[in-house]
């Protein structure tokens, strides 16, 4: 099928004639054209009869005029395209005369490509025609054009173009210096645009870093606030626990006091009867003081140990854990002498317990005694009291788990 249009290989535009292709080449510097069987779109406005050669052009016409009705006359206008430059009359308006004979010349083509085509066996006319109508694009484009048009009767005729068109084309071409200047200008513009884009991206990244930094600071502040609230709640719970323990001790003292009055044959004390404070102090001085239990002694010893070494919590915690190991081993294996005997000169014992004020005292409260001129701590089998050791273990475990032990 014969071609009905010329298609630009660079931008895909469809052109109705060689003249339009030449104008397109002069405007865009595109030079790769080939025949196409796709007709040029011809939409005619029914209101003003303006032809539109593309859907985009018809849309623009509608926006400008408001005309929306078009008739597709593409098939009516489609005709086989002639690849010869028409030898029409050329009129000159100078002095009112008309030049009937325009000079026709052979178009200029790439000499290197022409020689390669001739070496392949093509005639000079056929090779020149193929290079001219393929836009001097490449050897492959010229060979493809020959294969698609070898049935044309004029394929071996030397193509001719108007001398004026050749002169215009020559005049429109740029010198290497002009081309280099344009390229330098384009590179400079591209470089500046790239720098501006990089600066913009850097500003965006900086904004993002600032935003993330603010979010991290806010998250850290919230976490610290929550931790502070948790510690306050923990301290409050510890205070309440201490208060309850004091109430229990007070209640126990009152019960012991009532029991002693009963044994002495004294009547129960009336809690509602007001008594002078001096009398109360006098009676208190005559009441026997109840000795502290071993559990209370252990707790007070551990508190003193932590107070004496409050600047080194890790060392205190390790001492508590070591003491818990000693009493635990004896409680589980009371018949094993090796667990009931501690050499004070042992470097590990000295580092973990012996060097801390209150460590040896705690073991003595648990029943350990110094022997061998004070070189060994020993717990005799007949003095092993499992309840005392269990109480010691409970106090040590509580002191290890409670971070505020000995602080409040």
Protein backbone atom coordinates (compact mmCIF):
# COMPACT_ATOMS: atom_id res chain seq x y z
CA UNK A 1 0.00 0.00 0.00
CA UNK A 2 1.33 3.43 -1.01
CA UNK A 3 2.06 5.90 1.74
CA UNK A 4 -0.47 8.68 2.38
CA UNK A 5 1.69 10.75 4.74
CA UNK A 6 5.23 11.38 5.97
CA UNK A 7 5.97 10.59 9.59
CA UNK A 8 8.74 12.29 11.55
CA UNK A 9 10.84 9.61 13.23
CA UNK A 10 11.95 12.04 15.94
CA UNK A 11 8.60 13.33 17.22
CA UNK A 12 6.01 11.13 15.43
CA UNK A 13 4.25 14.03 13.65
CA UNK A 14 2.27 13.15 10.47
CA UNK A 15 2.80 15.47 7.48
CA UNK A 16 0.76 15.67 4.25
CA UNK A 17 3.54 16.54 1.78
CA UNK A 18 7.25 16.91 1.23
CA UNK A 19 6.88 20.70 1.53
CA UNK A 20 5.41 20.30 5.03
CA UNK A 21 8.21 17.88 5.96
CA UNK A 22 10.81 20.42 4.81
CA UNK A 23 9.15 23.18 6.82
CA UNK A 24 8.98 20.86 9.84
CA UNK A 25 12.69 20.07 9.43
CA UNK A 26 13.61 23.77 9.24
CA UNK A 27 11.60 24.56 12.40
CA UNK A 28 12.65 21.57 14.52
CA UNK A 29 15.95 20.36 12.97
CA UNK A 30 14.38 16.89 12.71
CA UNK A 31 15.69 14.96 9.71
CA UNK A 32 14.40 11.39 10.08
CA UNK A 33 11.24 11.05 7.92
CA UNK A 34 9.57 7.97 6.43
CA UNK A 35 6.41 7.16 4.53
CA UNK A 36 3.37 6.10 6.54
CA UNK A 37 0.06 4.48 5.62
CA UNK A 38 -1.65 6.38 8.45
CA UNK A 39 -3.54 9.39 7.01
CA UNK A 40 -3.28 12.84 8.50
CA UNK A 41 -6.33 13.53 10.65
CA UNK A 42 -8.72 16.07 9.07
CA UNK A 43 -11.47 17.26 11.42
CA UNK A 44 -13.58 20.12 9.97
CA UNK A 45 -15.58 22.39 12.29
CA UNK A 46 -19.24 22.42 11.14
CA UNK A 47 -19.70 25.98 12.44
CA UNK A 48 -16.73 27.84 10.91
CA UNK A 49 -15.32 25.17 8.53
CA UNK A 50 -11.85 25.39 10.12
CA UNK A 51 -9.83 22.19 9.54
CA UNK A 52 -8.05 20.64 12.52
CA UNK A 53 -5.29 18.11 11.98
CA UNK A 54 -5.25 16.57 15.45
CA UNK A 55 -7.50 15.93 18.43
CA UNK A 56 -5.43 18.39 20.46
CA UNK A 57 -5.95 21.10 17.83
CA UNK A 58 -9.71 20.48 17.81
CA UNK A 59 -9.81 20.69 21.63
CA UNK A 60 -7.96 24.03 21.53
CA UNK A 61 -10.38 25.29 18.84
CA UNK A 62 -13.31 24.30 21.09
CA UNK A 63 -11.82 26.17 24.06
CA UNK A 64 -11.25 29.32 22.00
CA UNK A 65 -14.55 29.41 20.06
CA UNK A 66 -16.95 27.14 21.91
CA UNK A 67 -17.54 25.11 18.71
CA UNK A 68 -17.97 21.46 19.53
CA UNK A 69 -19.24 19.85 16.31
CA UNK A 70 -16.63 18.44 13.90
CA UNK A 71 -16.86 16.27 10.76
CA UNK A 72 -14.14 13.68 10.13
CA UNK A 73 -13.02 14.10 6.47
CA UNK A 74 -9.78 12.20 6.87
CA UNK A 75 -10.64 9.51 4.30
CA UNK A 76 -11.70 12.13 1.71
CA UNK A 77 -8.45 14.08 2.01
CA UNK A 78 -6.17 11.02 2.12
CA UNK A 79 -4.17 10.71 -1.14
CA UNK A 80 -0.98 8.83 -2.04
CA UNK A 81 1.89 11.13 -1.19
CA UNK A 82 4.43 12.22 -3.79
CA UNK A 83 8.02 12.18 -2.64
CA UNK A 84 9.15 14.57 -5.40
CA UNK A 85 9.54 18.22 -4.62
CA UNK A 86 6.95 19.93 -6.89
CA UNK A 87 8.33 21.96 -9.77
CA UNK A 88 5.64 24.56 -9.43
CA UNK A 89 5.87 28.10 -10.56
CA UNK A 90 7.65 30.45 -8.29
CA UNK A 91 6.55 34.04 -8.32
CA UNK A 92 8.76 36.96 -7.52
CA UNK A 93 7.17 40.17 -6.38
CA UNK A 94 10.26 42.32 -7.01
CA UNK A 95 9.57 44.91 -9.68
CA UNK A 96 6.28 43.18 -10.53
CA UNK A 97 8.00 40.36 -12.56
CA UNK A 98 7.44 36.60 -12.20
CA UNK A 99 10.23 33.98 -12.54
CA UNK A 100 8.70 31.02 -14.36
CA UNK A 101 11.81 28.80 -14.30
CA UNK A 102 13.25 27.90 -10.88
CA UNK A 103 16.66 26.20 -10.87
CA UNK A 104 16.60 22.56 -9.62
CA UNK A 105 19.73 20.97 -8.17
CA UNK A 106 20.79 17.64 -6.67
CA UNK A 107 20.32 17.68 -2.85
CA UNK A 108 23.37 17.40 -0.65
CA UNK A 109 23.73 14.06 1.17
CA UNK A 110 26.26 12.49 3.52
CA UNK A 111 29.22 11.53 1.33
CA UNK A 112 30.44 8.78 3.63
CA UNK A 113 27.02 7.10 3.67
CA UNK A 114 26.76 7.58 -0.11
CA UNK A 115 30.08 5.79 -0.64
CA UNK A 116 29.01 2.91 1.61
CA UNK A 117 25.75 2.49 -0.31
CA UNK A 118 27.61 2.56 -3.64
CA UNK A 119 30.03 -0.07 -2.28
CA UNK A 120 27.01 -2.24 -1.52
CA UNK A 121 26.02 -2.16 -5.20
CA UNK A 122 23.39 0.59 -5.26
CA UNK A 123 23.51 3.16 -8.01
CA UNK A 124 24.47 6.75 -7.19
CA UNK A 125 20.97 8.01 -8.03
CA UNK A 126 19.26 5.35 -5.91
CA UNK A 127 21.65 5.88 -3.00
CA UNK A 128 21.27 9.69 -3.21
CA UNK A 129 17.47 9.42 -3.33
CA UNK A 130 17.44 7.02 -0.36
CA UNK A 131 19.71 9.23 1.75
CA UNK A 132 17.76 12.39 0.87
CA UNK A 133 14.32 11.01 1.73
CA UNK A 134 15.56 9.18 4.86
CA UNK A 135 16.98 12.46 6.14
CA UNK A 136 20.67 11.35 6.02
CA UNK A 137 19.89 9.62 9.33
CA UNK A 138 21.93 6.43 8.98
CA UNK A 139 22.95 3.65 6.60
CA UNK A 140 20.23 1.38 8.01
CA UNK A 141 17.53 4.02 7.43
CA UNK A 142 18.62 4.47 3.80
CA UNK A 143 18.66 0.70 3.12
CA UNK A 144 15.21 0.39 4.75
CA UNK A 145 13.87 3.18 2.52
CA UNK A 146 15.21 1.41 -0.60
CA UNK A 147 13.58 -1.87 0.46
CA UNK A 148 10.24 -0.14 0.98
CA UNK A 149 10.33 1.82 -2.31
CA UNK A 150 12.19 -0.39 -4.79
CA UNK A 151 8.98 -0.86 -6.81
CA UNK A 152 8.77 2.88 -7.60
CA UNK A 153 9.51 3.67 -11.26
CA UNK A 154 11.61 6.73 -10.41
CA UNK A 155 13.81 5.08 -7.79
CA UNK A 156 16.87 5.20 -10.04
CA UNK A 157 16.34 8.83 -11.04
CA UNK A 158 18.52 11.47 -9.41
CA UNK A 159 16.32 13.53 -7.04
CA UNK A 160 16.15 17.29 -7.57
CA UNK A 161 15.27 20.06 -5.16
CA UNK A 162 14.85 23.84 -5.72
CA UNK A 163 18.11 25.74 -5.43
CA UNK A 164 16.39 28.31 -3.19
CA UNK A 165 15.39 25.60 -0.71
CA UNK A 166 18.95 24.28 -0.74
CA UNK A 167 20.31 27.76 -0.09
CA UNK A 168 17.84 28.26 2.76
CA UNK A 169 18.80 24.93 4.24
CA UNK A 170 22.47 25.80 3.94
CA UNK A 171 21.89 29.21 5.42
CA UNK A 172 19.85 27.77 8.30
CA UNK A 173 22.61 25.37 9.31
CA UNK A 174 24.79 26.39 12.24
CA UNK A 175 28.53 26.64 12.30
CA UNK A 176 30.45 24.41 14.76
CA UNK A 177 31.25 27.48 16.87
CA UNK A 178 27.58 28.45 17.06
CA UNK A 179 26.63 24.86 17.88
CA UNK A 180 29.25 24.69 20.65
CA UNK A 181 28.05 28.01 22.06
CA UNK A 182 24.45 26.76 22.17
CA UNK A 183 25.56 23.52 23.80
CA UNK A 184 27.57 25.42 26.41
CA UNK A 185 24.57 27.60 27.15
CA UNK A 186 22.32 24.56 27.49
CA UNK A 187 24.84 22.82 29.78
CA UNK A 188 25.12 25.93 31.96
CA UNK A 189 21.34 26.16 32.24
CA UNK A 190 21.13 22.46 33.09
CA UNK A 191 23.89 22.83 35.71
CA UNK A 192 22.15 25.81 37.35
CA UNK A 193 18.85 23.96 37.35
CA UNK A 194 20.51 20.93 38.92
CA UNK A 195 22.14 23.09 41.61
CA UNK A 196 18.81 24.76 42.41
CA UNK A 197 17.15 21.35 42.63
CA UNK A 198 19.90 20.07 44.94
CA UNK A 199 19.54 23.16 47.17
CA UNK A 200 15.79 22.66 47.29
CA UNK A 201 16.22 18.99 48.20
CA UNK A 202 18.77 19.93 50.89
CA UNK A 203 16.29 22.41 52.39
CA UNK A 204 13.62 19.72 52.38
CA UNK A 205 15.99 17.26 54.06
CA UNK A 206 16.93 19.86 56.68
CA UNK A 207 13.26 20.51 57.42
CA UNK A 208 12.71 16.77 57.75
CA UNK A 209 15.70 16.43 60.12
CA UNK A 210 14.37 19.28 62.27
CA UNK A 211 10.90 17.71 62.36
CA UNK A 212 12.28 14.28 63.32
CA UNK A 213 14.51 15.88 65.96
CA UNK A 214 11.54 17.67 67.52
CA UNK A 215 9.54 14.45 67.54
CA UNK A 216 12.40 12.57 69.22
CA UNK A 217 12.79 15.28 71.86
CA UNK A 218 9.05 15.23 72.54
CA UNK A 219 9.05 11.43 72.77
CA UNK A 220 12.02 11.57 75.18
CA UNK A 221 10.26 14.21 77.31
CA UNK A 222 7.10 12.10 77.50
CA UNK A 223 9.13 9.01 78.41
CA UNK A 224 10.97 10.89 81.17
CA UNK A 225 7.69 12.28 82.48
CA UNK A 226 6.16 8.81 82.57
CA UNK A 227 9.24 7.45 84.34
CA UNK A 228 9.07 10.27 86.90
CA UNK A 229 5.39 9.51 87.55
CA UNK A 230 6.19 5.81 87.90
CA UNK A 231 8.94 6.52 90.46
CA UNK A 232 6.65 8.84 92.42
CA UNK A 233 3.95 6.16 92.48
CA UNK A 234 6.52 3.57 93.57
CA UNK A 235 7.76 5.83 96.38
CA UNK A 236 4.22 6.50 97.48
CA UNK A 237 3.48 2.76 97.59
CA UNK A 238 6.70 2.21 99.57
CA UNK A 239 5.72 4.89 102.08
CA UNK A 240 2.28 3.35 102.49
CA UNK A 241 3.87 -0.05 103.02
CA UNK A 242 6.21 1.41 105.67
CA UNK A 243 3.25 3.11 107.33
CA UNK A 244 1.31 -0.16 107.46
CA UNK A 245 4.36 -1.90 108.93
CA UNK A 246 4.66 0.75 111.65
CA UNK A 247 0.96 0.39 112.43
CA UNK A 248 1.38 -3.35 112.80
CA UNK A 249 4.36 -2.86 115.13
CA UNK A 250 2.40 -0.31 117.16
CA UNK A 251 -0.54 -2.68 117.38
CA UNK A 252 1.78 -5.50 118.47
CA UNK A 253 3.28 -3.27 121.18
CA UNK A 254 -0.17 -2.45 122.47
CA UNK A 255 -1.07 -6.13 122.59
CA UNK A 256 2.17 -6.96 124.46
CA UNK A 257 1.50 -4.14 126.87
CA UNK A 258 -2.01 -5.39 127.57
CA UNK A 259 -0.66 -8.92 128.07
CA UNK A 260 1.92 -7.74 130.60
CA UNK A 261 -0.75 -5.81 132.53
CA UNK A 262 -2.88 -8.92 132.60
CA UNK A 263 0.01 -11.03 133.97
CA UNK A 264 0.74 -8.40 136.62
CA UNK A 265 -2.89 -8.44 137.64
CA UNK A 266 -3.46 -4.85 136.58
CA UNK A 267 -6.78 -3.77 135.11
CA UNK A 268 -6.90 -3.09 131.35
CA UNK A 269 -5.92 0.43 130.42
CA UNK A 270 -8.80 2.67 129.42
CA UNK A 271 -7.87 4.15 126.04
CA UNK A 272 -10.46 6.92 126.31
CA UNK A 273 -9.37 8.11 129.76
CA UNK A 274 -7.17 11.20 129.40
CA UNK A 275 -3.95 11.04 131.39
CA UNK A 276 -1.40 13.74 132.08
CA UNK A 277 1.55 13.54 129.82
CA UNK A 278 3.98 13.60 132.75
CA UNK A 279 2.35 10.50 134.21
CA UNK A 280 2.49 8.77 130.87
CA UNK A 281 6.19 9.50 130.57
CA UNK A 282 6.75 8.30 134.10
CA UNK A 283 4.92 5.02 133.46
CA UNK A 284 6.72 4.50 130.20
CA UNK A 285 10.03 4.72 131.98
CA UNK A 286 9.06 1.79 134.17
CA UNK A 287 7.82 -0.41 131.31
CA UNK A 288 10.35 -2.97 130.07
CA UNK A 289 11.63 -2.33 126.52
CA UNK A 290 10.98 -5.21 124.16
CA UNK A 291 14.17 -6.27 122.40
CA UNK A 292 14.13 -6.08 118.61
CA UNK A 293 13.53 -9.34 116.81
CA UNK A 294 16.17 -10.87 114.59
CA UNK A 295 14.14 -9.96 111.51
CA UNK A 296 14.15 -6.31 112.55
CA UNK A 297 17.86 -6.50 113.30
CA UNK A 298 18.52 -7.97 109.84
CA UNK A 299 16.45 -5.27 108.14
CA UNK A 300 18.20 -2.50 110.08
CA UNK A 301 21.62 -4.03 109.31
CA UNK A 302 20.86 -4.13 105.57
CA UNK A 303 19.62 -0.53 105.65
CA UNK A 304 22.79 0.59 107.40
CA UNK A 305 24.91 -1.28 104.86
CA UNK A 306 23.14 0.49 101.99
CA UNK A 307 23.34 3.90 103.71
CA UNK A 308 27.08 3.43 104.35
CA UNK A 309 27.68 2.68 100.66
CA UNK A 310 24.86 4.59 98.95
CA UNK A 311 27.23 6.01 96.33
CA UNK A 312 27.81 2.51 94.89
CA UNK A 313 24.43 0.81 94.36
CA UNK A 314 25.90 -1.91 92.14
CA UNK A 315 28.34 -3.01 94.83
CA UNK A 316 25.62 -3.03 97.51
CA UNK A 317 23.34 -5.11 95.28
CA UNK A 318 26.17 -7.60 94.64
CA UNK A 319 26.78 -7.87 98.42
CA UNK A 320 23.06 -8.58 99.00
CA UNK A 321 23.10 -11.28 96.31
CA UNK A 322 26.23 -12.89 97.84
CA UNK A 323 24.69 -12.92 101.33
CA UNK A 324 21.50 -14.42 99.85
CA UNK A 325 23.63 -17.21 98.32
CA UNK A 326 25.34 -17.95 101.67
CA UNK A 327 22.14 -18.19 103.74
CA UNK A 328 20.32 -20.04 100.98
CA UNK A 329 23.00 -22.73 100.75
CA UNK A 330 22.90 -23.29 104.53
CA UNK A 331 19.07 -23.36 104.60
CA UNK A 332 18.97 -25.96 101.83
CA UNK A 333 21.96 -28.02 103.09
CA UNK A 334 22.21 -27.55 106.88
CA UNK A 335 24.33 -30.71 107.31
CA UNK A 336 27.01 -29.62 104.83
CA UNK A 337 29.85 -28.04 106.81
CA UNK A 338 31.36 -26.39 103.76
CA UNK A 339 28.29 -24.15 103.48
CA UNK A 340 28.46 -23.25 107.20
CA UNK A 341 32.11 -22.19 107.09
CA UNK A 342 33.43 -18.97 105.55
CA UNK A 343 37.11 -17.99 105.55
CA UNK A 344 37.37 -14.23 106.12
CA UNK A 345 40.69 -14.01 104.27
CA UNK A 346 39.06 -15.24 101.05
CA UNK A 347 39.63 -12.45 98.44
CA UNK A 348 36.21 -12.96 96.81
CA UNK A 349 34.46 -12.78 100.18
CA UNK A 350 36.40 -9.66 101.17
CA UNK A 351 35.63 -7.93 97.89
CA UNK A 352 31.93 -8.77 97.85
CA UNK A 353 30.96 -8.73 101.58
CA UNK A 354 33.83 -8.38 104.05
CA UNK A 355 34.96 -4.95 102.90
CA UNK A 356 31.44 -3.49 103.28
CA UNK A 357 30.49 -2.25 106.72
CA UNK A 358 27.57 -4.36 107.94
CA UNK A 359 28.18 -7.47 105.80
CA UNK A 360 29.82 -9.62 108.51
CA UNK A 361 27.38 -8.28 111.12
CA UNK A 362 24.46 -9.59 109.05
CA UNK A 363 25.97 -13.10 109.00
CA UNK A 364 26.51 -12.93 112.77
CA UNK A 365 22.82 -12.06 113.24
CA UNK A 366 22.02 -15.20 111.18
CA UNK A 367 24.02 -17.27 113.73
CA UNK A 368 27.57 -17.31 112.33
CA UNK A 369 30.40 -17.06 114.92
CA UNK A 370 34.06 -16.10 114.54
CA UNK A 371 36.56 -18.90 115.34
CA UNK A 372 40.25 -19.56 114.82
CA UNK A 373 41.27 -16.17 116.21
CA UNK A 374 38.66 -14.40 114.13
CA UNK A 375 39.86 -15.85 110.81
CA UNK A 376 36.78 -17.96 110.09
CA UNK A 377 33.01 -17.46 110.32
CA UNK A 378 31.34 -20.70 111.37
CA UNK A 379 27.71 -21.65 111.99
CA UNK A 380 27.47 -24.68 114.32
CA UNK A 381 24.98 -27.34 113.32
CA UNK A 382 23.13 -27.11 116.61
CA UNK A 383 22.62 -23.36 116.09
CA UNK A 384 21.19 -23.57 112.59
CA UNK A 385 17.69 -22.07 112.74
CA UNK A 386 15.92 -22.61 109.46
CA UNK A 387 13.17 -19.98 110.15
CA UNK A 388 15.87 -17.37 110.89
CA UNK A 389 17.68 -18.22 107.64
CA UNK A 390 14.40 -18.08 105.71
CA UNK A 391 13.66 -14.65 107.21
CA UNK A 392 17.16 -13.52 106.23
CA UNK A 393 16.56 -14.72 102.68
CA UNK A 394 13.23 -12.86 102.51
CA UNK A 395 14.79 -9.61 103.75
CA UNK A 396 17.66 -9.90 101.25
CA UNK A 397 15.31 -10.67 98.37
CA UNK A 398 13.14 -7.66 99.27
CA UNK A 399 16.19 -5.40 99.51
CA UNK A 400 17.43 -6.56 96.07
CA UNK A 401 14.08 -6.10 94.31
CA UNK A 402 13.13 -2.78 95.93
CA UNK A 403 15.18 0.10 94.41
CA UNK A 404 14.11 2.41 97.25
CA UNK A 405 15.11 0.08 100.05
CA UNK A 406 16.99 2.07 102.70
CA UNK A 407 16.27 5.38 100.90
CA UNK A 408 12.92 6.43 102.40
